[in-house]
Amino acid sequence: NASAAGDQRDWLAAELAASRPRYRW
Protein backbone atom coordinates (compact mmCIF):
# COMPACT_ATOMS: atom_id res chain seq x y z
CA ASN A 1 0.00 0.00 0.00
CA ALA A 2 3.07 2.23 0.25
CA SER A 3 5.64 3.02 -2.42
CA ALA A 4 7.72 -0.02 -3.33
CA ALA A 5 10.60 2.35 -4.10
CA GLY A 6 12.30 4.90 -1.88
CA ASP A 7 12.58 4.22 1.84
CA GLN A 8 10.92 0.81 1.71
CA ARG A 9 13.22 -0.45 -1.05
CA ASP A 10 16.28 0.90 0.77
CA TRP A 11 15.19 -0.81 3.97
CA LEU A 12 14.57 -4.09 2.12
CA ALA A 13 18.00 -3.99 0.45
CA ALA A 14 19.70 -3.52 3.82
CA GLU A 15 17.56 -6.17 5.53
CA LEU A 16 18.20 -8.85 2.89
CA ALA A 17 21.92 -8.09 2.77
CA ALA A 18 22.16 -8.48 6.54
CA SER A 19 19.91 -11.54 6.81
CA ARG A 20 21.06 -13.73 3.92
CA PRO A 21 24.43 -14.65 5.47
CA ARG A 22 22.88 -15.32 8.89
CA TYR A 23 19.82 -17.44 8.09
CA ARG A 24 19.41 -20.77 6.36
CA TRP A 25 15.93 -19.78 5.13
mmCIF file of all heavy atoms, coordinates in Angstrom:
data_MODEL
# 
_entry.id   MODEL 
# 
loop_
_atom_site.group_PDB 
_atom_site.id 
_atom_site.type_symbol 
_atom_site.label_atom_id 
_atom_site.label_alt_id 
_atom_site.label_comp_id 
_atom_site.label_asym_id 
_atom_site.label_entity_id 
_atom_site.label_seq_id 
_atom_site.pdbx_PDB_ins_code 
_atom_site.Cartn_x 
_atom_site.Cartn_y 
_atom_site.Cartn_z 
_atom_site.occupancy 
_atom_site.B_iso_or_equiv 
_atom_site.pdbx_formal_charge 
_atom_site.auth_seq_id 
_atom_site.auth_comp_id 
_atom_site.auth_asym_id 
_atom_site.auth_atom_id 
_atom_site.pdbx_PDB_model_num 
ATOM 1   N N   . ASN A 1 1  ? 0.818  -1.209  0.000  1.00 0.00 ? 1  ASN A N   1 
ATOM 2   C CA  . ASN A 1 1  ? 0.000  0.000   0.000  1.00 0.00 ? 1  ASN A CA  1 
ATOM 3   C C   . ASN A 1 1  ? 0.852  1.259   0.000  1.00 0.00 ? 1  ASN A C   1 
ATOM 4   O O   . ASN A 1 1  ? 0.341  2.352   -0.256 1.00 0.00 ? 1  ASN A O   1 
ATOM 5   C CB  . ASN A 1 1  ? -0.923 0.034   1.218  1.00 0.00 ? 1  ASN A CB  1 
ATOM 6   C CG  . ASN A 1 1  ? -2.162 -0.812  1.004  1.00 0.00 ? 1  ASN A CG  1 
ATOM 7   O OD1 . ASN A 1 1  ? -2.439 -1.248  -0.104 1.00 0.00 ? 1  ASN A OD1 1 
ATOM 8   N ND2 . ASN A 1 1  ? -2.894 -1.062  2.066  1.00 0.00 ? 1  ASN A ND2 1 
ATOM 9   N N   . ALA A 1 2  ? 2.128  1.114   0.295  1.00 0.00 ? 2  ALA A N   1 
ATOM 10  C CA  . ALA A 1 2  ? 3.065  2.227   0.248  1.00 0.00 ? 2  ALA A CA  1 
ATOM 11  C C   . ALA A 1 2  ? 3.945  2.077   -0.983 1.00 0.00 ? 2  ALA A C   1 
ATOM 12  O O   . ALA A 1 2  ? 3.919  1.037   -1.662 1.00 0.00 ? 2  ALA A O   1 
ATOM 13  C CB  . ALA A 1 2  ? 3.911  2.251   1.517  1.00 0.00 ? 2  ALA A CB  1 
ATOM 14  N N   . SER A 1 3  ? 4.746  3.093   -1.273 1.00 0.00 ? 3  SER A N   1 
ATOM 15  C CA  . SER A 1 3  ? 5.644  3.020   -2.421 1.00 0.00 ? 3  SER A CA  1 
ATOM 16  C C   . SER A 1 3  ? 6.614  1.854   -2.260 1.00 0.00 ? 3  SER A C   1 
ATOM 17  O O   . SER A 1 3  ? 7.220  1.672   -1.200 1.00 0.00 ? 3  SER A O   1 
ATOM 18  C CB  . SER A 1 3  ? 6.423  4.327   -2.559 1.00 0.00 ? 3  SER A CB  1 
ATOM 19  O OG  . SER A 1 3  ? 7.420  4.202   -3.555 1.00 0.00 ? 3  SER A OG  1 
ATOM 20  N N   . ALA A 1 4  ? 6.756  1.078   -3.337 1.00 0.00 ? 4  ALA A N   1 
ATOM 21  C CA  . ALA A 1 4  ? 7.722  -0.021  -3.325 1.00 0.00 ? 4  ALA A CA  1 
ATOM 22  C C   . ALA A 1 4  ? 9.142  0.490   -3.502 1.00 0.00 ? 4  ALA A C   1 
ATOM 23  O O   . ALA A 1 4  ? 10.104 -0.247  -3.257 1.00 0.00 ? 4  ALA A O   1 
ATOM 24  C CB  . ALA A 1 4  ? 7.395  -1.023  -4.433 1.00 0.00 ? 4  ALA A CB  1 
ATOM 25  N N   . ALA A 1 5  ? 9.288  1.731   -3.926 1.00 0.00 ? 5  ALA A N   1 
ATOM 26  C CA  . ALA A 1 5  ? 10.599 2.349   -4.105 1.00 0.00 ? 5  ALA A CA  1 
ATOM 27  C C   . ALA A 1 5  ? 10.962 3.131   -2.847 1.00 0.00 ? 5  ALA A C   1 
ATOM 28  O O   . ALA A 1 5  ? 10.367 2.960   -1.787 1.00 0.00 ? 5  ALA A O   1 
ATOM 29  C CB  . ALA A 1 5  ? 10.588 3.248   -5.341 1.00 0.00 ? 5  ALA A CB  1 
ATOM 30  N N   . GLY A 1 6  ? 11.967 3.987   -2.955 1.00 0.00 ? 6  GLY A N   1 
ATOM 31  C CA  . GLY A 1 6  ? 12.302 4.900   -1.878 1.00 0.00 ? 6  GLY A CA  1 
ATOM 32  C C   . GLY A 1 6  ? 12.718 4.210   -0.597 1.00 0.00 ? 6  GLY A C   1 
ATOM 33  O O   . GLY A 1 6  ? 13.494 3.256   -0.596 1.00 0.00 ? 6  GLY A O   1 
ATOM 34  N N   . ASP A 1 7  ? 12.166 4.696   0.522  1.00 0.00 ? 7  ASP A N   1 
ATOM 35  C CA  . ASP A 1 7  ? 12.583 4.221   1.842  1.00 0.00 ? 7  ASP A CA  1 
ATOM 36  C C   . ASP A 1 7  ? 12.358 2.727   2.014  1.00 0.00 ? 7  ASP A C   1 
ATOM 37  O O   . ASP A 1 7  ? 13.185 2.027   2.612  1.00 0.00 ? 7  ASP A O   1 
ATOM 38  C CB  . ASP A 1 7  ? 11.822 4.976   2.932  1.00 0.00 ? 7  ASP A CB  1 
ATOM 39  C CG  . ASP A 1 7  ? 12.247 6.433   3.042  1.00 0.00 ? 7  ASP A CG  1 
ATOM 40  O OD1 . ASP A 1 7  ? 13.305 6.781   2.483  1.00 0.00 ? 7  ASP A OD1 1 
ATOM 41  O OD2 . ASP A 1 7  ? 11.512 7.219   3.674  1.00 0.00 ? 7  ASP A OD2 1 
ATOM 42  N N   . GLN A 1 8  ? 11.217 2.225   1.516  1.00 0.00 ? 8  GLN A N   1 
ATOM 43  C CA  . GLN A 1 8  ? 10.923 0.808   1.708  1.00 0.00 ? 8  GLN A CA  1 
ATOM 44  C C   . GLN A 1 8  ? 11.923 -0.071  0.947  1.00 0.00 ? 8  GLN A C   1 
ATOM 45  O O   . GLN A 1 8  ? 12.399 -1.082  1.475  1.00 0.00 ? 8  GLN A O   1 
ATOM 46  C CB  . GLN A 1 8  ? 9.489  0.474   1.288  1.00 0.00 ? 8  GLN A CB  1 
ATOM 47  C CG  . GLN A 1 8  ? 9.097  -0.960  1.600  1.00 0.00 ? 8  GLN A CG  1 
ATOM 48  C CD  . GLN A 1 8  ? 7.609  -1.246  1.524  1.00 0.00 ? 8  GLN A CD  1 
ATOM 49  O OE1 . GLN A 1 8  ? 7.127  -2.231  2.070  1.00 0.00 ? 8  GLN A OE1 1 
ATOM 50  N NE2 . GLN A 1 8  ? 6.860  -0.401  0.849  1.00 0.00 ? 8  GLN A NE2 1 
ATOM 51  N N   . ARG A 1 9  ? 12.237 0.310   -0.284 1.00 0.00 ? 9  ARG A N   1 
ATOM 52  C CA  . ARG A 1 9  ? 13.217 -0.454  -1.045 1.00 0.00 ? 9  ARG A CA  1 
ATOM 53  C C   . ARG A 1 9  ? 14.583 -0.395  -0.390 1.00 0.00 ? 9  ARG A C   1 
ATOM 54  O O   . ARG A 1 9  ? 15.291 -1.422  -0.312 1.00 0.00 ? 9  ARG A O   1 
ATOM 55  C CB  . ARG A 1 9  ? 13.314 0.068   -2.483 1.00 0.00 ? 9  ARG A CB  1 
ATOM 56  C CG  . ARG A 1 9  ? 14.224 -0.795  -3.343 1.00 0.00 ? 9  ARG A CG  1 
ATOM 57  C CD  . ARG A 1 9  ? 14.599 -0.142  -4.657 1.00 0.00 ? 9  ARG A CD  1 
ATOM 58  N NE  . ARG A 1 9  ? 15.453 -1.025  -5.445 1.00 0.00 ? 9  ARG A NE  1 
ATOM 59  C CZ  . ARG A 1 9  ? 16.759 -1.200  -5.230 1.00 0.00 ? 9  ARG A CZ  1 
ATOM 60  N NH1 . ARG A 1 9  ? 17.360 -0.543  -4.233 1.00 0.00 ? 9  ARG A NH1 1 
ATOM 61  N NH2 . ARG A 1 9  ? 17.468 -2.027  -5.979 1.00 0.00 ? 9  ARG A NH2 1 
ATOM 62  N N   . ASP A 1 10 ? 14.984 0.771   0.101  1.00 0.00 ? 10 ASP A N   1 
ATOM 63  C CA  . ASP A 1 10 ? 16.281 0.899   0.768  1.00 0.00 ? 10 ASP A CA  1 
ATOM 64  C C   . ASP A 1 10 ? 16.337 0.025   2.009  1.00 0.00 ? 10 ASP A C   1 
ATOM 65  O O   . ASP A 1 10 ? 17.353 -0.634  2.278  1.00 0.00 ? 10 ASP A O   1 
ATOM 66  C CB  . ASP A 1 10 ? 16.541 2.363   1.151  1.00 0.00 ? 10 ASP A CB  1 
ATOM 67  C CG  . ASP A 1 10 ? 16.754 3.264   -0.060 1.00 0.00 ? 10 ASP A CG  1 
ATOM 68  O OD1 . ASP A 1 10 ? 16.982 2.733   -1.171 1.00 0.00 ? 10 ASP A OD1 1 
ATOM 69  O OD2 . ASP A 1 10 ? 16.665 4.503   0.102  1.00 0.00 ? 10 ASP A OD2 1 
ATOM 70  N N   . TRP A 1 11 ? 15.243 0.034   2.775  1.00 0.00 ? 11 TRP A N   1 
ATOM 71  C CA  . TRP A 1 11 ? 15.189 -0.813  3.969  1.00 0.00 ? 11 TRP A CA  1 
ATOM 72  C C   . TRP A 1 11 ? 15.290 -2.289  3.590  1.00 0.00 ? 11 TRP A C   1 
ATOM 73  O O   . TRP A 1 11 ? 16.025 -3.059  4.225  1.00 0.00 ? 11 TRP A O   1 
ATOM 74  C CB  . TRP A 1 11 ? 13.890 -0.561  4.731  1.00 0.00 ? 11 TRP A CB  1 
ATOM 75  C CG  . TRP A 1 11 ? 13.721 -1.493  5.893  1.00 0.00 ? 11 TRP A CG  1 
ATOM 76  C CD1 . TRP A 1 11 ? 14.196 -1.330  7.164  1.00 0.00 ? 11 TRP A CD1 1 
ATOM 77  C CD2 . TRP A 1 11 ? 13.054 -2.761  5.875  1.00 0.00 ? 11 TRP A CD2 1 
ATOM 78  N NE1 . TRP A 1 11 ? 13.865 -2.414  7.933  1.00 0.00 ? 11 TRP A NE1 1 
ATOM 79  C CE2 . TRP A 1 11 ? 13.171 -3.302  7.171  1.00 0.00 ? 11 TRP A CE2 1 
ATOM 80  C CE3 . TRP A 1 11 ? 12.382 -3.486  4.902  1.00 0.00 ? 11 TRP A CE3 1 
ATOM 81  C CZ2 . TRP A 1 11 ? 12.620 -4.546  7.522  1.00 0.00 ? 11 TRP A CZ2 1 
ATOM 82  C CZ3 . TRP A 1 11 ? 11.835 -4.721  5.227  1.00 0.00 ? 11 TRP A CZ3 1 
ATOM 83  C CH2 . TRP A 1 11 ? 11.949 -5.247  6.526  1.00 0.00 ? 11 TRP A CH2 1 
ATOM 84  N N   . LEU A 1 12 ? 14.553 -2.694  2.546  1.00 0.00 ? 12 LEU A N   1 
ATOM 85  C CA  . LEU A 1 12 ? 14.569 -4.088  2.116  1.00 0.00 ? 12 LEU A CA  1 
ATOM 86  C C   . LEU A 1 12 ? 15.965 -4.507  1.679  1.00 0.00 ? 12 LEU A C   1 
ATOM 87  O O   . LEU A 1 12 ? 16.434 -5.604  2.028  1.00 0.00 ? 12 LEU A O   1 
ATOM 88  C CB  . LEU A 1 12 ? 13.574 -4.291  0.974  1.00 0.00 ? 12 LEU A CB  1 
ATOM 89  C CG  . LEU A 1 12 ? 13.536 -5.700  0.361  1.00 0.00 ? 12 LEU A CG  1 
ATOM 90  C CD1 . LEU A 1 12 ? 13.116 -6.737  1.393  1.00 0.00 ? 12 LEU A CD1 1 
ATOM 91  C CD2 . LEU A 1 12 ? 12.591 -5.724  -0.842 1.00 0.00 ? 12 LEU A CD2 1 
ATOM 92  N N   . ALA A 1 13 ? 16.645 -3.660  0.916  1.00 0.00 ? 13 ALA A N   1 
ATOM 93  C CA  . ALA A 1 13 ? 17.999 -3.987  0.453  1.00 0.00 ? 13 ALA A CA  1 
ATOM 94  C C   . ALA A 1 13 ? 18.927 -4.229  1.640  1.00 0.00 ? 13 ALA A C   1 
ATOM 95  O O   . ALA A 1 13 ? 19.715 -5.192  1.653  1.00 0.00 ? 13 ALA A O   1 
ATOM 96  C CB  . ALA A 1 13 ? 18.535 -2.874  -0.438 1.00 0.00 ? 13 ALA A CB  1 
ATOM 97  N N   . ALA A 1 14 ? 18.839 -3.364  2.642  1.00 0.00 ? 14 ALA A N   1 
ATOM 98  C CA  . ALA A 1 14 ? 19.699 -3.516  3.820  1.00 0.00 ? 14 ALA A CA  1 
ATOM 99  C C   . ALA A 1 14 ? 19.322 -4.752  4.627  1.00 0.00 ? 14 ALA A C   1 
ATOM 100 O O   . ALA A 1 14 ? 20.197 -5.488  5.110  1.00 0.00 ? 14 ALA A O   1 
ATOM 101 C CB  . ALA A 1 14 ? 19.604 -2.262  4.686  1.00 0.00 ? 14 ALA A CB  1 
ATOM 102 N N   . GLU A 1 15 ? 18.022 -5.007  4.764  1.00 0.00 ? 15 GLU A N   1 
ATOM 103 C CA  . GLU A 1 15 ? 17.560 -6.173  5.531  1.00 0.00 ? 15 GLU A CA  1 
ATOM 104 C C   . GLU A 1 15 ? 18.001 -7.483  4.878  1.00 0.00 ? 15 GLU A C   1 
ATOM 105 O O   . GLU A 1 15 ? 18.510 -8.379  5.548  1.00 0.00 ? 15 GLU A O   1 
ATOM 106 C CB  . GLU A 1 15 ? 16.037 -6.126  5.659  1.00 0.00 ? 15 GLU A CB  1 
ATOM 107 C CG  . GLU A 1 15 ? 15.391 -7.399  6.168  1.00 0.00 ? 15 GLU A CG  1 
ATOM 108 C CD  . GLU A 1 15 ? 15.816 -7.800  7.562  1.00 0.00 ? 15 GLU A CD  1 
ATOM 109 O OE1 . GLU A 1 15 ? 16.056 -6.903  8.397  1.00 0.00 ? 15 GLU A OE1 1 
ATOM 110 O OE2 . GLU A 1 15 ? 15.906 -9.011  7.826  1.00 0.00 ? 15 GLU A OE2 1 
ATOM 111 N N   . LEU A 1 16 ? 17.819 -7.606  3.564  1.00 0.00 ? 16 LEU A N   1 
ATOM 112 C CA  . LEU A 1 16 ? 18.201 -8.846  2.887  1.00 0.00 ? 16 LEU A CA  1 
ATOM 113 C C   . LEU A 1 16 ? 19.713 -9.046  2.913  1.00 0.00 ? 16 LEU A C   1 
ATOM 114 O O   . LEU A 1 16 ? 20.195 -10.172 3.082  1.00 0.00 ? 16 LEU A O   1 
ATOM 115 C CB  . LEU A 1 16 ? 17.694 -8.829  1.447  1.00 0.00 ? 16 LEU A CB  1 
ATOM 116 C CG  . LEU A 1 16 ? 16.167 -8.827  1.264  1.00 0.00 ? 16 LEU A CG  1 
ATOM 117 C CD1 . LEU A 1 16 ? 15.814 -8.824  -0.221 1.00 0.00 ? 16 LEU A CD1 1 
ATOM 118 C CD2 . LEU A 1 16 ? 15.510 -10.010 1.971  1.00 0.00 ? 16 LEU A CD2 1 
ATOM 119 N N   . ALA A 1 17 ? 20.456 -7.979  2.738  1.00 0.00 ? 17 ALA A N   1 
ATOM 120 C CA  . ALA A 1 17 ? 21.916 -8.086  2.770  1.00 0.00 ? 17 ALA A CA  1 
ATOM 121 C C   . ALA A 1 17 ? 22.403 -8.553  4.135  1.00 0.00 ? 17 ALA A C   1 
ATOM 122 O O   . ALA A 1 17 ? 23.353 -9.348  4.233  1.00 0.00 ? 17 ALA A O   1 
ATOM 123 C CB  . ALA A 1 17 ? 22.551 -6.745  2.413  1.00 0.00 ? 17 ALA A CB  1 
ATOM 124 N N   . ALA A 1 18 ? 21.757 -8.087  5.191  1.00 0.00 ? 18 ALA A N   1 
ATOM 125 C CA  . ALA A 1 18 ? 22.163 -8.484  6.540  1.00 0.00 ? 18 ALA A CA  1 
ATOM 126 C C   . ALA A 1 18 ? 21.687 -9.887  6.899  1.00 0.00 ? 18 ALA A C   1 
ATOM 127 O O   . ALA A 1 18 ? 22.382 -10.631 7.600  1.00 0.00 ? 18 ALA A O   1 
ATOM 128 C CB  . ALA A 1 18 ? 21.618 -7.477  7.551  1.00 0.00 ? 18 ALA A CB  1 
ATOM 129 N N   . SER A 1 19 ? 20.516 -10.273 6.399  1.00 0.00 ? 19 SER A N   1 
ATOM 130 C CA  . SER A 1 19 ? 19.913 -11.542 6.812  1.00 0.00 ? 19 SER A CA  1 
ATOM 131 C C   . SER A 1 19 ? 20.405 -12.740 6.023  1.00 0.00 ? 19 SER A C   1 
ATOM 132 O O   . SER A 1 19 ? 20.523 -13.845 6.569  1.00 0.00 ? 19 SER A O   1 
ATOM 133 C CB  . SER A 1 19 ? 18.385 -11.449 6.687  1.00 0.00 ? 19 SER A CB  1 
ATOM 134 O OG  . SER A 1 19 ? 17.864 -10.537 7.616  1.00 0.00 ? 19 SER A OG  1 
ATOM 135 N N   . ARG A 1 20 ? 20.699 -12.566 4.741  1.00 0.00 ? 20 ARG A N   1 
ATOM 136 C CA  . ARG A 1 20 ? 21.059 -13.727 3.920  1.00 0.00 ? 20 ARG A CA  1 
ATOM 137 C C   . ARG A 1 20 ? 22.252 -14.514 4.472  1.00 0.00 ? 20 ARG A C   1 
ATOM 138 O O   . ARG A 1 20 ? 22.205 -15.754 4.500  1.00 0.00 ? 20 ARG A O   1 
ATOM 139 C CB  . ARG A 1 20 ? 21.318 -13.280 2.487  1.00 0.00 ? 20 ARG A CB  1 
ATOM 140 C CG  . ARG A 1 20 ? 21.725 -14.378 1.513  1.00 0.00 ? 20 ARG A CG  1 
ATOM 141 C CD  . ARG A 1 20 ? 20.578 -15.324 1.134  1.00 0.00 ? 20 ARG A CD  1 
ATOM 142 N NE  . ARG A 1 20 ? 20.246 -16.316 2.145  1.00 0.00 ? 20 ARG A NE  1 
ATOM 143 C CZ  . ARG A 1 20 ? 19.257 -17.196 2.017  1.00 0.00 ? 20 ARG A CZ  1 
ATOM 144 N NH1 . ARG A 1 20 ? 18.482 -17.195 0.946  1.00 0.00 ? 20 ARG A NH1 1 
ATOM 145 N NH2 . ARG A 1 20 ? 19.007 -18.064 2.971  1.00 0.00 ? 20 ARG A NH2 1 
ATOM 146 N N   . PRO A 1 21 ? 23.321 -13.860 4.944  1.00 0.00 ? 21 PRO A N   1 
ATOM 147 C CA  . PRO A 1 21 ? 24.433 -14.647 5.473  1.00 0.00 ? 21 PRO A CA  1 
ATOM 148 C C   . PRO A 1 21 ? 24.132 -15.323 6.811  1.00 0.00 ? 21 PRO A C   1 
ATOM 149 O O   . PRO A 1 21 ? 24.817 -16.281 7.183  1.00 0.00 ? 21 PRO A O   1 
ATOM 150 C CB  . PRO A 1 21 ? 25.550 -13.602 5.649  1.00 0.00 ? 21 PRO A CB  1 
ATOM 151 C CG  . PRO A 1 21 ? 25.143 -12.420 4.856  1.00 0.00 ? 21 PRO A CG  1 
ATOM 152 C CD  . PRO A 1 21 ? 23.653 -12.420 4.874  1.00 0.00 ? 21 PRO A CD  1 
ATOM 153 N N   . ARG A 1 22 ? 23.125 -14.848 7.528  1.00 0.00 ? 22 ARG A N   1 
ATOM 154 C CA  . ARG A 1 22 ? 22.876 -15.319 8.892  1.00 0.00 ? 22 ARG A CA  1 
ATOM 155 C C   . ARG A 1 22 ? 21.852 -16.433 8.976  1.00 0.00 ? 22 ARG A C   1 
ATOM 156 O O   . ARG A 1 22 ? 21.847 -17.198 9.951  1.00 0.00 ? 22 ARG A O   1 
ATOM 157 C CB  . ARG A 1 22 ? 22.393 -14.154 9.758  1.00 0.00 ? 22 ARG A CB  1 
ATOM 158 C CG  . ARG A 1 22 ? 23.407 -13.039 9.954  1.00 0.00 ? 22 ARG A CG  1 
ATOM 159 C CD  . ARG A 1 22 ? 22.805 -11.921 10.784 1.00 0.00 ? 22 ARG A CD  1 
ATOM 160 N NE  . ARG A 1 22 ? 22.255 -12.415 12.044 1.00 0.00 ? 22 ARG A NE  1 
ATOM 161 C CZ  . ARG A 1 22 ? 21.355 -11.755 12.777 1.00 0.00 ? 22 ARG A CZ  1 
ATOM 162 N NH1 . ARG A 1 22 ? 20.893 -10.578 12.350 1.00 0.00 ? 22 ARG A NH1 1 
ATOM 163 N NH2 . ARG A 1 22 ? 20.915 -12.248 13.918 1.00 0.00 ? 22 ARG A NH2 1 
ATOM 164 N N   . TYR A 1 23 ? 20.955 -16.528 7.990  1.00 0.00 ? 23 TYR A N   1 
ATOM 165 C CA  . TYR A 1 23 ? 19.817 -17.444 8.095  1.00 0.00 ? 23 TYR A CA  1 
ATOM 166 C C   . TYR A 1 23 ? 19.858 -18.490 6.987  1.00 0.00 ? 23 TYR A C   1 
ATOM 167 O O   . TYR A 1 23 ? 20.150 -18.174 5.836  1.00 0.00 ? 23 TYR A O   1 
ATOM 168 C CB  . TYR A 1 23 ? 18.493 -16.662 8.023  1.00 0.00 ? 23 TYR A CB  1 
ATOM 169 C CG  . TYR A 1 23 ? 18.286 -15.752 9.203  1.00 0.00 ? 23 TYR A CG  1 
ATOM 170 C CD1 . TYR A 1 23 ? 18.752 -14.442 9.179  1.00 0.00 ? 23 TYR A CD1 1 
ATOM 171 C CD2 . TYR A 1 23 ? 17.639 -16.198 10.348 1.00 0.00 ? 23 TYR A CD2 1 
ATOM 172 C CE1 . TYR A 1 23 ? 18.579 -13.597 10.268 1.00 0.00 ? 23 TYR A CE1 1 
ATOM 173 C CE2 . TYR A 1 23 ? 17.460 -15.360 11.441 1.00 0.00 ? 23 TYR A CE2 1 
ATOM 174 C CZ  . TYR A 1 23 ? 17.931 -14.063 11.394 1.00 0.00 ? 23 TYR A CZ  1 
ATOM 175 O OH  . TYR A 1 23 ? 17.759 -13.236 12.475 1.00 0.00 ? 23 TYR A OH  1 
ATOM 176 N N   . ARG A 1 24 ? 19.495 -19.707 7.364  1.00 0.00 ? 24 ARG A N   1 
ATOM 177 C CA  . ARG A 1 24 ? 19.406 -20.770 6.359  1.00 0.00 ? 24 ARG A CA  1 
ATOM 178 C C   . ARG A 1 24 ? 18.256 -20.508 5.399  1.00 0.00 ? 24 ARG A C   1 
ATOM 179 O O   . ARG A 1 24 ? 18.355 -20.763 4.193  1.00 0.00 ? 24 ARG A O   1 
ATOM 180 C CB  . ARG A 1 24 ? 19.213 -22.126 7.044  1.00 0.00 ? 24 ARG A CB  1 
ATOM 181 C CG  . ARG A 1 24 ? 19.192 -23.310 6.100  1.00 0.00 ? 24 ARG A CG  1 
ATOM 182 C CD  . ARG A 1 24 ? 18.936 -24.612 6.843  1.00 0.00 ? 24 ARG A CD  1 
ATOM 183 N NE  . ARG A 1 24 ? 19.944 -24.884 7.833  1.00 0.00 ? 24 ARG A NE  1 
ATOM 184 C CZ  . ARG A 1 24 ? 21.069 -25.571 7.618  1.00 0.00 ? 24 ARG A CZ  1 
ATOM 185 N NH1 . ARG A 1 24 ? 21.329 -26.033 6.412  1.00 0.00 ? 24 ARG A NH1 1 
ATOM 186 N NH2 . ARG A 1 24 ? 21.931 -25.769 8.587  1.00 0.00 ? 24 ARG A NH2 1 
ATOM 187 N N   . TRP A 1 25 ? 17.131 -20.012 5.936  1.00 0.00 ? 25 TRP A N   1 
ATOM 188 C CA  . TRP A 1 25 ? 15.935 -19.776 5.132  1.00 0.00 ? 25 TRP A CA  1 
ATOM 189 C C   . TRP A 1 25 ? 15.542 -18.311 5.223  1.00 0.00 ? 25 TRP A C   1 
ATOM 190 O O   . TRP A 1 25 ? 15.416 -17.754 6.303  1.00 0.00 ? 25 TRP A O   1 
ATOM 191 C CB  . TRP A 1 25 ? 14.778 -20.651 5.613  1.00 0.00 ? 25 TRP A CB  1 
ATOM 192 C CG  . TRP A 1 25 ? 15.055 -22.115 5.549  1.00 0.00 ? 25 TRP A CG  1 
ATOM 193 C CD1 . TRP A 1 25 ? 15.280 -22.960 6.603  1.00 0.00 ? 25 TRP A CD1 1 
ATOM 194 C CD2 . TRP A 1 25 ? 15.141 -22.926 4.374  1.00 0.00 ? 25 TRP A CD2 1 
ATOM 195 N NE1 . TRP A 1 25 ? 15.503 -24.226 6.156  1.00 0.00 ? 25 TRP A NE1 1 
ATOM 196 C CE2 . TRP A 1 25 ? 15.423 -24.248 4.790  1.00 0.00 ? 25 TRP A CE2 1 
ATOM 197 C CE3 . TRP A 1 25 ? 15.009 -22.659 3.015  1.00 0.00 ? 25 TRP A CE3 1 
ATOM 198 C CZ2 . TRP A 1 25 ? 15.572 -25.290 3.900  1.00 0.00 ? 25 TRP A CZ2 1 
ATOM 199 C CZ3 . TRP A 1 25 ? 15.165 -23.708 2.116  1.00 0.00 ? 25 TRP A CZ3 1 
ATOM 200 C CH2 . TRP A 1 25 ? 15.433 -25.007 2.557  1.00 0.00 ? 25 TRP A CH2 1 
# 
